[in-house]
Structures are given as C-alpha cells and as structure tokens.
N, C-alpha and C. Protein backbone atom coordinates (compact mmCIF):
# COMPACT_ATOMS: atom_id res chain seq x y z
N UNK A 1 74.76 -128.01 -80.61
CA UNK A 1 75.28 -126.56 -80.35
C UNK A 1 75.62 -125.66 -81.17
N UNK A 2 75.51 -124.68 -81.02
CA UNK A 2 76.05 -123.78 -82.14
C UNK A 2 77.43 -123.25 -81.95
N UNK A 3 78.00 -123.13 -83.19
CA UNK A 3 79.25 -122.75 -83.66
C UNK A 3 79.61 -121.34 -82.78
N UNK A 4 78.88 -120.74 -82.72
CA UNK A 4 79.29 -119.61 -82.07
C UNK A 4 79.31 -119.49 -80.56
N UNK A 5 80.30 -119.13 -79.98
CA UNK A 5 80.42 -119.30 -78.49
C UNK A 5 79.67 -117.90 -78.07
N UNK A 6 78.75 -118.01 -76.92
CA UNK A 6 78.09 -117.20 -76.35
C UNK A 6 79.06 -116.16 -75.71
N UNK A 7 78.93 -114.72 -75.87
CA UNK A 7 79.62 -113.98 -75.36
C UNK A 7 79.34 -113.48 -73.63
N UNK A 8 80.39 -113.73 -73.06
CA UNK A 8 79.90 -113.46 -71.59
C UNK A 8 79.33 -111.82 -71.45
N UNK A 9 78.02 -111.72 -70.46
CA UNK A 9 77.73 -110.37 -70.29
C UNK A 9 78.64 -109.63 -69.42
N UNK A 10 78.60 -108.40 -70.27
CA UNK A 10 79.77 -107.48 -69.54
C UNK A 10 79.16 -106.89 -68.26
N UNK A 11 80.00 -106.82 -67.53
CA UNK A 11 79.78 -106.20 -66.01
C UNK A 11 79.71 -104.81 -66.02
N UNK A 12 78.69 -104.00 -65.59
CA UNK A 12 78.65 -102.73 -65.33
C UNK A 12 79.40 -102.17 -64.36
N UNK A 13 80.48 -101.30 -64.60
CA UNK A 13 81.20 -100.72 -63.34
C UNK A 13 80.26 -100.09 -62.26
N UNK A 14 80.86 -100.67 -61.13
CA UNK A 14 80.23 -100.26 -59.58
C UNK A 14 80.06 -98.63 -59.61
N UNK A 15 80.91 -97.88 -60.25
CA UNK A 15 80.97 -96.49 -59.98
C UNK A 15 80.11 -95.63 -60.88
N UNK A 16 79.54 -96.35 -61.79
CA UNK A 16 78.44 -95.72 -62.64
C UNK A 16 77.07 -95.37 -61.86
N UNK A 17 76.83 -94.02 -62.18
CA UNK A 17 75.71 -93.53 -61.19
C UNK A 17 74.42 -93.45 -61.90
N UNK A 18 73.37 -94.74 -61.56
CA UNK A 18 72.20 -94.44 -62.45
C UNK A 18 71.29 -93.83 -61.56
N UNK A 19 71.23 -92.40 -62.24
CA UNK A 19 70.35 -91.51 -61.67
C UNK A 19 68.95 -91.58 -62.50
N UNK A 20 67.86 -91.82 -61.88
CA UNK A 20 66.66 -92.06 -62.36
C UNK A 20 66.15 -90.81 -62.86
N UNK A 21 66.83 -89.65 -62.46
CA UNK A 21 66.44 -88.54 -63.04
C UNK A 21 66.76 -88.16 -64.64
N UNK A 22 67.84 -89.02 -64.61
CA UNK A 22 68.32 -88.61 -66.11
C UNK A 22 67.59 -89.99 -67.18
N UNK A 23 66.89 -89.42 -68.25
CA UNK A 23 66.20 -90.47 -69.24
C UNK A 23 67.53 -91.38 -69.91
N UNK A 24 66.99 -92.43 -70.35
CA UNK A 24 67.83 -93.40 -71.13
C UNK A 24 68.16 -92.92 -72.23
N UNK A 25 67.17 -92.00 -72.85
CA UNK A 25 67.93 -91.43 -74.18
C UNK A 25 68.75 -90.27 -74.09
N UNK A 26 69.04 -89.90 -72.79
CA UNK A 26 69.66 -88.66 -72.65
C UNK A 26 71.02 -89.05 -71.53
N UNK A 27 71.86 -90.13 -71.96
CA UNK A 27 72.91 -90.72 -71.24
C UNK A 27 73.75 -89.50 -70.56
N UNK A 28 73.83 -88.44 -71.41
CA UNK A 28 75.05 -87.32 -71.00
C UNK A 28 74.15 -86.24 -69.93
N UNK A 29 73.04 -86.47 -69.76
CA UNK A 29 72.01 -85.52 -69.09
C UNK A 29 71.97 -84.26 -69.59
N UNK A 30 71.74 -84.19 -70.87
CA UNK A 30 71.64 -82.99 -71.24
C UNK A 30 70.23 -82.28 -71.28
N UNK A 31 69.44 -83.02 -71.10
CA UNK A 31 67.96 -82.71 -70.91
C UNK A 31 67.77 -81.95 -69.57
N UNK A 32 67.27 -80.71 -69.71
CA UNK A 32 67.16 -80.03 -68.39
C UNK A 32 65.76 -80.27 -67.53
N UNK A 33 65.87 -80.49 -66.41
CA UNK A 33 65.00 -81.13 -65.58
C UNK A 33 64.55 -79.86 -64.31
N UNK A 34 63.31 -79.70 -64.20
CA UNK A 34 62.71 -79.19 -63.29
C UNK A 34 62.43 -79.25 -61.82
N UNK A 35 62.75 -79.34 -60.79
CA UNK A 35 62.44 -79.75 -59.39
C UNK A 35 61.75 -78.78 -58.71
N UNK A 36 60.42 -79.39 -58.26
CA UNK A 36 59.71 -78.74 -57.78
C UNK A 36 59.83 -78.52 -56.44
N UNK A 37 59.39 -77.40 -55.54
CA UNK A 37 59.55 -77.13 -54.28
C UNK A 37 58.69 -78.15 -53.47
N UNK A 38 59.10 -78.31 -52.18
CA UNK A 38 58.68 -79.11 -51.34
C UNK A 38 57.33 -78.82 -51.20
N UNK A 39 57.15 -77.71 -50.86
CA UNK A 39 55.72 -77.03 -50.29
C UNK A 39 54.75 -76.87 -51.78
N UNK A 40 55.29 -76.97 -53.12
CA UNK A 40 54.45 -76.76 -54.08
C UNK A 40 53.06 -77.53 -53.95
N UNK A 41 53.08 -78.91 -53.26
CA UNK A 41 51.87 -79.71 -53.45
C UNK A 41 51.06 -79.02 -52.25
N UNK A 42 51.57 -78.44 -51.31
CA UNK A 42 50.62 -77.99 -50.17
C UNK A 42 50.01 -76.59 -50.83
N UNK A 43 50.54 -75.67 -51.58
CA UNK A 43 50.12 -74.70 -52.20
C UNK A 43 48.97 -74.98 -53.15
N UNK A 44 49.38 -75.94 -53.80
CA UNK A 44 48.19 -76.58 -54.79
C UNK A 44 47.19 -76.90 -54.05
N UNK A 45 47.37 -77.53 -52.72
CA UNK A 45 45.99 -77.99 -51.95
C UNK A 45 45.25 -76.84 -51.34
N UNK A 46 46.07 -75.85 -51.04
CA UNK A 46 45.41 -74.51 -50.49
C UNK A 46 44.33 -73.71 -51.81
N UNK A 47 45.18 -73.99 -52.90
CA UNK A 47 44.40 -73.15 -53.93
C UNK A 47 43.42 -73.97 -54.32
N UNK A 48 43.33 -75.27 -54.10
CA UNK A 48 42.15 -76.00 -54.64
C UNK A 48 40.84 -75.84 -53.17
N UNK A 49 41.57 -75.74 -52.14
CA UNK A 49 40.40 -75.11 -51.06
C UNK A 49 39.95 -73.84 -51.55
N UNK A 50 40.63 -72.87 -51.86
CA UNK A 50 40.13 -71.73 -52.22
C UNK A 50 39.00 -71.47 -53.32
N UNK A 51 39.00 -72.45 -54.13
CA UNK A 51 38.16 -72.67 -55.18
C UNK A 51 36.71 -72.96 -54.79
N UNK A 52 35.77 -71.81 -54.09
CA UNK A 52 34.78 -72.03 -53.81
C UNK A 52 33.50 -71.71 -54.69
N UNK A 53 32.36 -72.21 -54.69
CA UNK A 53 31.38 -71.91 -55.48
C UNK A 53 30.91 -70.48 -55.06
N UNK A 54 30.27 -69.79 -56.11
CA UNK A 54 29.83 -68.26 -55.82
C UNK A 54 28.72 -68.24 -54.67
N UNK A 55 27.89 -69.50 -54.68
CA UNK A 55 26.83 -69.32 -53.44
C UNK A 55 27.56 -69.46 -52.26
N UNK A 56 28.70 -70.41 -52.21
CA UNK A 56 29.24 -70.28 -50.76
C UNK A 56 29.92 -68.88 -50.45
N UNK A 57 30.74 -68.53 -51.44
CA UNK A 57 31.38 -67.20 -51.15
C UNK A 57 30.11 -66.11 -51.00
N UNK A 58 29.15 -66.19 -51.45
CA UNK A 58 28.07 -65.03 -50.93
C UNK A 58 27.44 -65.21 -49.37
N UNK A 59 27.34 -66.53 -49.18
CA UNK A 59 27.06 -66.89 -47.89
C UNK A 59 28.11 -66.25 -46.72
N UNK A 60 29.52 -66.44 -47.03
CA UNK A 60 30.42 -66.28 -46.45
C UNK A 60 30.27 -64.55 -46.24
N UNK A 61 30.29 -63.93 -47.44
CA UNK A 61 30.08 -62.47 -47.49
C UNK A 61 29.14 -62.05 -46.66
N UNK A 62 27.95 -62.61 -46.79
CA UNK A 62 26.77 -62.26 -45.90
C UNK A 62 27.09 -62.22 -44.51
N UNK A 63 27.59 -63.28 -44.07
CA UNK A 63 27.97 -63.59 -42.85
C UNK A 63 29.05 -62.75 -42.26
N UNK A 64 29.95 -62.30 -43.05
CA UNK A 64 30.58 -61.36 -42.47
C UNK A 64 30.15 -59.81 -42.43
N UNK A 65 29.31 -59.63 -43.46
CA UNK A 65 28.84 -58.38 -43.26
C UNK A 65 27.66 -58.25 -41.98
N UNK A 66 27.02 -59.38 -41.74
CA UNK A 66 26.12 -59.07 -40.67
C UNK A 66 26.92 -59.12 -39.30
N UNK A 67 28.11 -59.81 -39.10
CA UNK A 67 28.86 -59.84 -38.05
C UNK A 67 29.43 -58.25 -37.74
N UNK A 68 29.91 -57.58 -38.96
CA UNK A 68 30.33 -55.93 -38.80
C UNK A 68 29.44 -55.47 -38.31
N UNK A 69 28.07 -55.42 -38.96
CA UNK A 69 26.95 -54.87 -38.55
C UNK A 69 26.55 -54.92 -37.04
N UNK A 70 26.69 -55.91 -36.56
CA UNK A 70 26.42 -56.26 -35.00
C UNK A 70 27.52 -55.57 -34.14
N UNK A 71 28.58 -55.43 -34.76
CA UNK A 71 29.61 -54.72 -33.90
C UNK A 71 29.52 -53.38 -34.05
N UNK A 72 29.10 -52.96 -35.20
CA UNK A 72 28.50 -51.39 -35.44
C UNK A 72 27.62 -51.13 -34.47
N UNK A 73 26.48 -51.75 -34.25
CA UNK A 73 25.34 -51.71 -33.39
C UNK A 73 25.93 -51.37 -32.01
N UNK A 74 26.75 -52.48 -31.42
CA UNK A 74 27.34 -52.61 -30.00
C UNK A 74 28.04 -51.36 -29.80
N UNK A 75 28.94 -51.09 -30.82
CA UNK A 75 29.95 -49.62 -30.49
C UNK A 75 28.85 -48.30 -30.65
N UNK A 76 27.90 -48.20 -31.37
CA UNK A 76 27.07 -47.28 -31.09
C UNK A 76 26.35 -47.22 -29.55
N UNK A 77 25.82 -48.60 -29.27
CA UNK A 77 25.02 -48.33 -28.09
C UNK A 77 25.96 -48.17 -27.03
N UNK A 78 27.24 -48.60 -27.16
CA UNK A 78 28.41 -48.23 -25.80
C UNK A 78 28.65 -46.96 -25.84
N UNK A 79 28.72 -46.21 -27.11
CA UNK A 79 28.95 -44.66 -27.26
C UNK A 79 27.82 -44.01 -26.50
N UNK A 80 26.58 -44.30 -26.60
CA UNK A 80 25.44 -43.64 -26.46
C UNK A 80 25.20 -43.82 -24.79
N UNK A 81 25.81 -45.09 -24.29
CA UNK A 81 25.74 -45.08 -22.87
C UNK A 81 26.94 -44.26 -22.25
N UNK A 82 28.21 -43.99 -22.97
CA UNK A 82 28.89 -43.48 -22.56
C UNK A 82 28.75 -41.76 -22.47
N UNK A 83 27.75 -41.40 -23.31
CA UNK A 83 27.43 -39.91 -23.49
C UNK A 83 26.47 -39.86 -22.31
N UNK A 84 25.47 -40.86 -22.10
CA UNK A 84 24.33 -40.61 -21.18
C UNK A 84 25.07 -40.45 -19.57
N UNK A 85 26.21 -41.24 -19.26
CA UNK A 85 26.81 -41.54 -18.14
C UNK A 85 27.43 -40.18 -17.86
N UNK A 86 28.13 -39.54 -18.88
CA UNK A 86 28.78 -38.18 -18.81
C UNK A 86 27.87 -37.32 -18.54
N UNK A 87 26.56 -37.14 -19.28
CA UNK A 87 25.51 -36.11 -18.96
C UNK A 87 25.16 -36.13 -17.32
N UNK A 88 24.77 -37.45 -16.99
CA UNK A 88 24.37 -37.83 -15.46
C UNK A 88 25.65 -37.11 -14.53
N UNK A 89 26.79 -37.47 -14.87
CA UNK A 89 27.92 -37.20 -13.94
C UNK A 89 27.91 -35.40 -13.60
N UNK A 90 27.76 -34.99 -15.03
CA UNK A 90 27.82 -33.58 -15.13
C UNK A 90 26.56 -32.48 -14.13
N UNK A 91 25.40 -33.66 -14.52
CA UNK A 91 24.09 -33.15 -13.64
C UNK A 91 24.61 -33.33 -12.27
N UNK A 92 25.03 -34.81 -11.49
CA UNK A 92 25.40 -34.64 -10.34
C UNK A 92 26.20 -33.77 -9.92
N UNK A 93 27.39 -33.58 -10.61
CA UNK A 93 28.16 -32.38 -10.30
C UNK A 93 27.71 -31.16 -9.63
N UNK A 94 26.88 -30.53 -10.72
CA UNK A 94 26.20 -29.38 -10.58
C UNK A 94 25.52 -29.19 -9.61
N UNK A 95 24.65 -30.57 -9.10
CA UNK A 95 23.53 -30.49 -7.89
C UNK A 95 24.26 -30.85 -6.62
N UNK A 96 25.23 -31.57 -6.60
CA UNK A 96 25.66 -32.04 -5.54
C UNK A 96 27.30 -31.49 -5.33
N UNK A 97 27.89 -31.09 -6.26
CA UNK A 97 29.41 -30.54 -6.02
C UNK A 97 29.52 -29.81 -4.69
N UNK A 98 28.58 -29.13 -4.43
CA UNK A 98 28.82 -28.34 -3.08
C UNK A 98 28.54 -29.08 -1.72
N UNK A 99 28.36 -30.47 -1.54
CA UNK A 99 27.99 -31.06 -0.71
C UNK A 99 28.84 -31.22 0.47
N UNK A 100 30.13 -31.29 0.16
CA UNK A 100 31.29 -31.27 1.29
C UNK A 100 31.10 -29.77 2.16
N UNK A 101 31.35 -28.68 1.41
CA UNK A 101 30.95 -27.63 1.94
C UNK A 101 29.76 -27.56 2.47
N UNK A 102 28.82 -27.98 1.98
CA UNK A 102 27.21 -27.75 2.73
C UNK A 102 27.54 -28.34 3.99
N UNK A 103 28.06 -29.59 4.24
CA UNK A 103 28.08 -30.33 5.20
C UNK A 103 29.05 -29.62 6.37
N UNK A 104 29.94 -28.86 5.87
CA UNK A 104 30.76 -28.06 6.86
C UNK A 104 30.03 -26.86 7.36
N UNK A 105 29.45 -26.20 6.69
CA UNK A 105 28.51 -25.19 6.95
C UNK A 105 27.44 -25.21 7.95
N UNK A 106 27.07 -26.67 8.35
CA UNK A 106 26.05 -26.91 9.11
C UNK A 106 26.51 -26.44 10.61
N UNK A 107 28.11 -26.68 10.79
CA UNK A 107 28.35 -26.47 12.10
C UNK A 107 28.62 -24.80 12.32
N UNK A 108 28.76 -24.34 11.23
CA UNK A 108 28.71 -22.77 11.67
C UNK A 108 27.31 -22.36 11.60
N UNK A 109 26.41 -23.14 11.06
CA UNK A 109 24.90 -22.71 11.25
C UNK A 109 24.53 -22.76 12.92
N UNK A 110 25.13 -23.79 13.27
CA UNK A 110 24.65 -24.39 14.57
C UNK A 110 25.21 -23.26 15.53
N UNK A 111 26.58 -22.97 15.35
CA UNK A 111 27.07 -21.95 16.27
C UNK A 111 26.62 -20.45 16.19
N UNK A 112 25.93 -20.21 14.94
CA UNK A 112 25.52 -18.98 15.05
C UNK A 112 23.99 -18.98 15.74
N UNK A 113 23.35 -20.02 15.47
CA UNK A 113 22.01 -20.18 16.42
C UNK A 113 22.28 -20.10 17.75
N UNK A 114 23.58 -20.63 18.40
CA UNK A 114 23.68 -21.13 19.72
C UNK A 114 24.09 -19.32 20.25
N UNK A 115 24.54 -18.63 19.22
CA UNK A 115 24.97 -17.29 19.34
C UNK A 115 24.08 -16.61 19.62
N UNK A 116 22.89 -16.58 18.91
CA UNK A 116 21.62 -15.76 19.12
C UNK A 116 20.64 -16.36 20.24
N UNK A 117 20.84 -17.49 20.50
CA UNK A 117 20.13 -17.97 21.79
C UNK A 117 20.91 -17.28 23.05
N UNK A 118 22.11 -17.21 23.18
CA UNK A 118 22.65 -16.72 24.24
C UNK A 118 22.58 -15.05 24.22
N UNK A 119 22.66 -14.54 23.18
CA UNK A 119 22.20 -13.09 23.19
C UNK A 119 21.10 -12.73 23.94
N UNK A 120 20.06 -13.52 23.36
CA UNK A 120 18.66 -13.37 24.42
C UNK A 120 18.73 -13.36 25.87
N UNK A 121 19.51 -13.96 26.17
CA UNK A 121 19.67 -14.46 27.59
C UNK A 121 20.15 -12.83 28.58
N UNK A 122 19.61 -12.77 29.61
CA UNK A 122 19.68 -11.48 30.51
C UNK A 122 21.37 -11.37 30.69
N UNK A 123 21.83 -12.44 31.09
CA UNK A 123 23.27 -12.72 31.26
C UNK A 123 24.02 -12.40 30.45
N UNK A 124 23.72 -12.42 29.21
CA UNK A 124 24.84 -12.27 28.32
C UNK A 124 25.71 -11.00 28.39
N UNK A 125 27.09 -10.92 27.99
CA UNK A 125 27.73 -9.82 28.14
C UNK A 125 28.19 -9.72 26.42
N UNK A 126 29.18 -8.48 26.38
CA UNK A 126 29.93 -8.03 25.40
C UNK A 126 30.80 -9.10 25.08
N UNK A 127 31.60 -9.54 26.07
CA UNK A 127 32.67 -10.61 26.00
C UNK A 127 32.23 -11.80 25.69
N UNK A 128 31.19 -12.33 25.96
CA UNK A 128 30.78 -13.50 25.76
C UNK A 128 30.14 -13.59 24.14
N UNK A 129 29.59 -12.54 23.96
CA UNK A 129 29.05 -12.37 22.45
C UNK A 129 30.24 -12.40 21.51
N UNK A 130 31.27 -11.68 21.89
CA UNK A 130 32.34 -11.57 21.21
C UNK A 130 33.18 -12.76 20.91
N UNK A 131 33.29 -13.59 22.16
CA UNK A 131 33.72 -14.95 21.94
C UNK A 131 33.07 -15.97 21.18
N UNK A 132 31.51 -15.72 21.19
CA UNK A 132 31.00 -16.54 20.07
C UNK A 132 31.06 -16.25 18.62
N UNK A 133 31.44 -15.19 18.51
CA UNK A 133 31.37 -14.68 17.09
C UNK A 133 32.74 -15.05 16.57
N UNK A 134 33.68 -14.90 17.63
CA UNK A 134 35.35 -15.57 17.12
C UNK A 134 35.20 -17.09 17.10
N UNK A 135 34.46 -17.70 17.95
CA UNK A 135 34.38 -19.29 17.76
C UNK A 135 33.77 -19.54 16.42
N UNK A 136 32.74 -18.83 15.82
CA UNK A 136 31.70 -19.04 14.72
C UNK A 136 32.84 -18.66 13.26
N UNK A 137 33.52 -17.85 13.47
CA UNK A 137 34.46 -17.27 12.55
C UNK A 137 35.42 -18.46 12.48
N UNK A 138 35.91 -18.92 13.20
CA UNK A 138 37.03 -19.80 13.26
C UNK A 138 36.45 -21.37 12.55
N UNK A 139 35.09 -21.80 12.98
CA UNK A 139 34.50 -22.75 12.29
C UNK A 139 34.20 -22.62 10.78
N UNK A 140 34.12 -21.29 10.52
CA UNK A 140 33.78 -20.83 9.07
C UNK A 140 34.99 -21.14 8.17
N UNK A 141 36.06 -20.56 8.93
CA UNK A 141 37.66 -20.69 8.26
C UNK A 141 38.03 -22.18 8.08
N UNK A 142 37.78 -22.79 8.98
CA UNK A 142 37.96 -24.30 9.01
C UNK A 142 37.32 -24.92 7.92
N UNK A 143 35.92 -24.61 8.07
CA UNK A 143 35.04 -25.19 6.67
C UNK A 143 35.71 -24.92 5.37
N UNK A 144 35.75 -23.62 5.15
CA UNK A 144 36.54 -23.14 3.98
C UNK A 144 37.58 -23.71 3.48
N UNK A 145 38.61 -23.86 4.24
CA UNK A 145 40.02 -24.69 4.07
C UNK A 145 39.98 -26.02 3.51
N UNK A 146 38.73 -26.63 4.31
CA UNK A 146 38.68 -28.02 3.76
C UNK A 146 38.17 -28.27 2.67
N UNK A 147 37.48 -27.40 1.91
CA UNK A 147 36.92 -27.39 0.94
C UNK A 147 37.80 -26.56 -0.17
N UNK A 148 38.94 -26.07 0.02
CA UNK A 148 39.98 -25.66 -0.88
C UNK A 148 39.81 -24.06 -0.94
N UNK A 149 39.02 -23.39 -0.06
CA UNK A 149 38.91 -21.92 -0.41
C UNK A 149 39.95 -21.24 0.68
N UNK A 150 40.73 -20.67 0.32
CA UNK A 150 41.93 -19.81 0.94
C UNK A 150 41.78 -18.24 0.94
N UNK A 151 41.92 -17.48 1.82
CA UNK A 151 41.99 -16.21 1.81
C UNK A 151 42.98 -15.57 1.30
N UNK A 152 43.03 -14.21 0.58
CA UNK A 152 43.89 -13.47 0.24
C UNK A 152 43.95 -12.15 0.91
N UNK A 153 44.78 -11.95 1.69
CA UNK A 153 45.07 -10.68 2.76
C UNK A 153 46.69 -10.21 2.29
N UNK A 154 46.84 -9.42 1.22
CA UNK A 154 48.22 -9.13 0.79
C UNK A 154 48.96 -7.98 1.34
N UNK A 155 48.57 -7.75 2.63
CA UNK A 155 49.10 -6.48 3.31
C UNK A 155 50.60 -6.57 3.24
N UNK A 156 51.44 -5.55 2.71
CA UNK A 156 52.79 -5.44 2.88
C UNK A 156 53.35 -6.07 1.64
N UNK A 157 52.61 -6.79 0.68
CA UNK A 157 53.06 -7.28 -0.37
C UNK A 157 52.91 -6.35 -1.53
N UNK A 158 53.80 -6.84 -2.75
CA UNK A 158 53.64 -6.03 -4.01
C UNK A 158 52.26 -6.11 -4.50
N UNK A 159 51.86 -5.23 -4.97
CA UNK A 159 50.33 -4.94 -5.81
C UNK A 159 50.39 -5.99 -7.02
N UNK A 160 49.50 -6.77 -7.06
CA UNK A 160 49.43 -7.79 -8.20
C UNK A 160 48.01 -7.61 -8.97
N UNK A 161 47.86 -6.85 -10.17
CA UNK A 161 46.78 -6.55 -10.71
C UNK A 161 45.93 -7.97 -11.08
N UNK A 162 46.71 -8.89 -10.99
CA UNK A 162 45.68 -10.28 -11.16
C UNK A 162 45.07 -11.06 -9.96
N UNK A 163 45.40 -10.49 -8.94
CA UNK A 163 44.77 -10.92 -7.64
C UNK A 163 44.15 -9.67 -6.78
N UNK A 164 44.99 -8.62 -7.04
CA UNK A 164 44.26 -7.70 -6.12
C UNK A 164 43.57 -6.40 -6.85
N UNK A 165 42.39 -5.56 -6.23
CA UNK A 165 41.87 -4.68 -6.89
C UNK A 165 42.13 -3.62 -6.32
N UNK A 166 42.79 -2.46 -6.57
CA UNK A 166 43.21 -1.16 -6.08
C UNK A 166 42.00 -0.18 -5.91
N UNK A 167 41.60 0.12 -4.80
CA UNK A 167 40.59 1.16 -4.55
C UNK A 167 41.03 2.53 -4.60
N UNK A 168 42.45 2.53 -4.01
CA UNK A 168 42.87 4.03 -4.32
C UNK A 168 44.49 3.73 -4.00
N UNK A 169 45.38 4.78 -3.98
CA UNK A 169 46.41 5.07 -3.62
C UNK A 169 47.05 6.19 -2.82
N UNK A 170 47.73 5.53 -1.83
CA UNK A 170 47.87 6.58 -0.76
C UNK A 170 49.61 7.00 -0.41
N UNK A 171 49.55 8.03 0.02
CA UNK A 171 51.13 8.18 0.05
C UNK A 171 51.71 7.83 1.36
N UNK A 172 52.95 7.32 1.15
CA UNK A 172 53.54 6.71 2.20
C UNK A 172 54.92 6.91 2.37
N UNK A 173 55.49 7.53 3.74
CA UNK A 173 57.02 7.57 3.85
C UNK A 173 57.44 6.11 4.21
N UNK A 174 56.96 5.03 4.65
CA UNK A 174 57.30 3.94 5.31
C UNK A 174 57.34 2.92 4.21
N UNK A 175 56.31 2.81 3.61
CA UNK A 175 56.13 1.41 2.64
C UNK A 175 56.74 1.76 1.28
N UNK A 176 56.97 0.66 0.53
CA UNK A 176 57.80 0.82 -0.67
C UNK A 176 56.64 1.32 -1.84
N UNK A 177 56.76 2.18 -2.81
CA UNK A 177 55.70 2.42 -3.59
C UNK A 177 55.10 1.10 -4.18
N UNK A 178 53.92 1.16 -4.87
CA UNK A 178 53.11 -0.03 -5.34
C UNK A 178 53.44 -1.22 -4.61
N UNK A 179 53.07 -1.13 -3.23
CA UNK A 179 52.93 -2.27 -2.28
C UNK A 179 51.59 -1.92 -1.57
N UNK A 180 50.77 -2.93 -1.10
CA UNK A 180 49.67 -3.09 -0.46
C UNK A 180 49.97 -2.35 0.86
N UNK A 181 49.39 -1.41 1.49
CA UNK A 181 49.49 -0.64 2.78
C UNK A 181 47.96 -1.30 3.58
N UNK A 182 47.06 -1.21 3.03
CA UNK A 182 45.68 -1.57 3.70
C UNK A 182 44.84 -2.56 2.81
N UNK A 183 44.34 -3.50 3.26
CA UNK A 183 43.41 -4.51 2.73
C UNK A 183 42.02 -4.09 3.25
N UNK A 184 41.20 -3.53 2.47
CA UNK A 184 39.80 -3.12 2.79
C UNK A 184 39.04 -4.33 2.91
N UNK A 185 39.10 -5.12 2.02
CA UNK A 185 38.26 -6.63 1.70
C UNK A 185 39.07 -7.49 1.46
N UNK A 186 39.05 -8.77 2.16
CA UNK A 186 40.04 -9.96 1.78
C UNK A 186 39.45 -10.59 0.35
N UNK A 187 40.51 -11.07 -0.28
CA UNK A 187 39.98 -11.87 -1.45
C UNK A 187 40.10 -13.41 -1.13
N UNK A 188 39.71 -14.10 -1.99
CA UNK A 188 39.43 -15.63 -2.02
C UNK A 188 39.78 -16.35 -3.03
N UNK A 189 40.73 -17.60 -3.00
CA UNK A 189 40.56 -18.42 -4.07
C UNK A 189 40.15 -19.82 -3.67
N UNK A 190 39.78 -20.59 -4.96
CA UNK A 190 39.23 -22.11 -4.81
C UNK A 190 40.17 -22.69 -5.64
N UNK A 191 40.86 -23.62 -4.58
CA UNK A 191 41.95 -24.57 -5.04
C UNK A 191 42.70 -23.57 -6.43
N UNK A 192 43.28 -22.57 -5.66
CA UNK A 192 44.29 -21.66 -6.87
C UNK A 192 43.50 -20.78 -7.82
N UNK A 193 42.08 -20.97 -8.03
CA UNK A 193 41.51 -20.07 -9.04
C UNK A 193 40.86 -19.00 -8.15
N UNK A 194 40.84 -17.73 -8.74
CA UNK A 194 40.47 -16.66 -7.95
C UNK A 194 38.99 -16.76 -8.22
N UNK A 195 38.36 -16.52 -6.68
CA UNK A 195 36.98 -16.32 -6.55
C UNK A 195 36.72 -14.89 -6.52
N UNK A 196 37.46 -14.09 -5.95
CA UNK A 196 37.39 -12.75 -5.66
C UNK A 196 38.56 -12.04 -5.63
N UNK A 197 38.83 -10.84 -5.92
CA UNK A 197 40.18 -10.40 -5.67
C UNK A 197 40.36 -9.43 -4.30
N UNK A 198 41.25 -9.34 -3.94
CA UNK A 198 41.48 -8.73 -2.50
C UNK A 198 41.05 -7.13 -3.10
N UNK A 199 40.49 -6.26 -2.40
CA UNK A 199 40.48 -5.09 -2.59
C UNK A 199 41.42 -4.31 -1.56
N UNK A 200 42.00 -3.42 -1.85
CA UNK A 200 43.33 -2.81 -1.21
C UNK A 200 43.71 -1.43 -1.72
N UNK A 201 44.55 -0.74 -0.67
CA UNK A 201 44.91 0.53 -1.02
C UNK A 201 46.26 0.48 -1.53
N UNK A 202 46.88 1.16 -2.20
CA UNK A 202 48.49 0.94 -2.77
C UNK A 202 49.13 2.13 -2.31
N UNK A 203 50.49 1.75 -1.83
CA UNK A 203 50.90 3.13 -1.62
C UNK A 203 51.78 3.72 -2.82
N UNK A 204 52.18 4.99 -2.68
CA UNK A 204 52.79 5.58 -3.63
C UNK A 204 53.75 6.60 -2.89
N UNK A 205 54.82 7.00 -3.65
CA UNK A 205 55.72 7.99 -3.29
C UNK A 205 55.06 9.32 -3.09
N UNK A 206 55.61 9.81 -1.91
CA UNK A 206 54.93 11.31 -1.33
C UNK A 206 55.26 12.54 -2.45
N UNK A 207 54.46 13.25 -2.57
CA UNK A 207 54.54 14.44 -3.55
C UNK A 207 55.80 15.08 -3.44
N UNK A 208 56.11 15.48 -2.38
CA UNK A 208 57.36 16.37 -2.35
C UNK A 208 58.62 15.29 -2.83
N UNK A 209 59.03 14.08 -2.93
CA UNK A 209 59.93 13.21 -3.47
C UNK A 209 59.59 13.42 -5.03
C-alpha cells in the first residue's frame, strides 16, 4: 500500500453548462463562433446544381431559342389569319351589306309590277291607280325604316345648314324668319348619318319691316 492516500475525485457541480460550442481551451467563451443559417446547406445544394457544363448550357440555350422561334412563327401565322379574315369581312360587307334592304325592296318591286298590270286593264280607274301607288309608297317607306333610313321633312322648323339646303328665301308674314316654310325635296338619314339634305325654302322678314 502506498503511503499516500488517494484523493477522492472532485464532483462537478450540476449547474455547470457544458456547452459543446465552447472549446476546451476557451473555458470563458472568448472565441467567437459563427452559426450558419438553416437554409445555408440548401443554398449550397442549389448552387451546386446550377454549376452545369458549357455543353449542357448551350443545349438549354438552343432549346429555349427554338421554342421562342416557334412561338414567333405561330404569332405571325395567327396575325396573318386575322388580317385575311378582316379583308374577307370587309369584302363581304361591301358585297352583301345591302342584302337586308334588297330583300325589302323585292316587295316594292312586286307592288309596282302589279300596278303596271292593273293599268293595262280596261277597267282601271284613276282612283285604283292612285291607291296602288300609295300602297307601293307605303311598302317602300316601311322597307327604308327597317334598314335605318329615315326621312327629313323640316317644314316649320328652324333652318339647319347641316341638315337642310336652302333653295331660296321667301318673305312671310306668318312664319318666323329663318324657318322652313316649304320642303321642295325631302332629305334622308341612314342611322343618323346624312344621306341627302332636305331642299327647302326659308322664310325671311317682309321688306317693309
């Protein structure tokens, strides 16, 4: 037996925090440590995936260029189709735009033919011929209204140089000056657009006044 008595091991206090981040040679934690963010490893993996070979980068660039070229060709083809359709629609409108009016005028033509046949009969009278003409005019007016054509008959209204054409001026004691007293020829509009101005005679003050 040795003369020296073995010293009992000193127990470590329970409240000492054994921080694995603190090196043994730095008991007081004087050495600074850097803690990486949690997504640092993920970013490193993404950067590694982005490191591709020049050949692969060229292939990807060529594929993207081909895709963009195909998109361009499709856009050009679609634009050309739109242009052709627009030209075709304009041509059809020019050729068949009056189809509705033409269909309505067929009834007017039929009425005129029947009136001429009635005039050839020996039993035709002035009254019957007048009634036929009135009926034909009524059919024509209905056909015009259906296609947006309206008459301008401004008798008694103020003179409007945009809608009326003054043929002359006439003194009048009863009508207000610069108003229409006689409609020589009716004007017409198509859906609000002037087709023909009304030809009129406009009142003016008597010379004595």
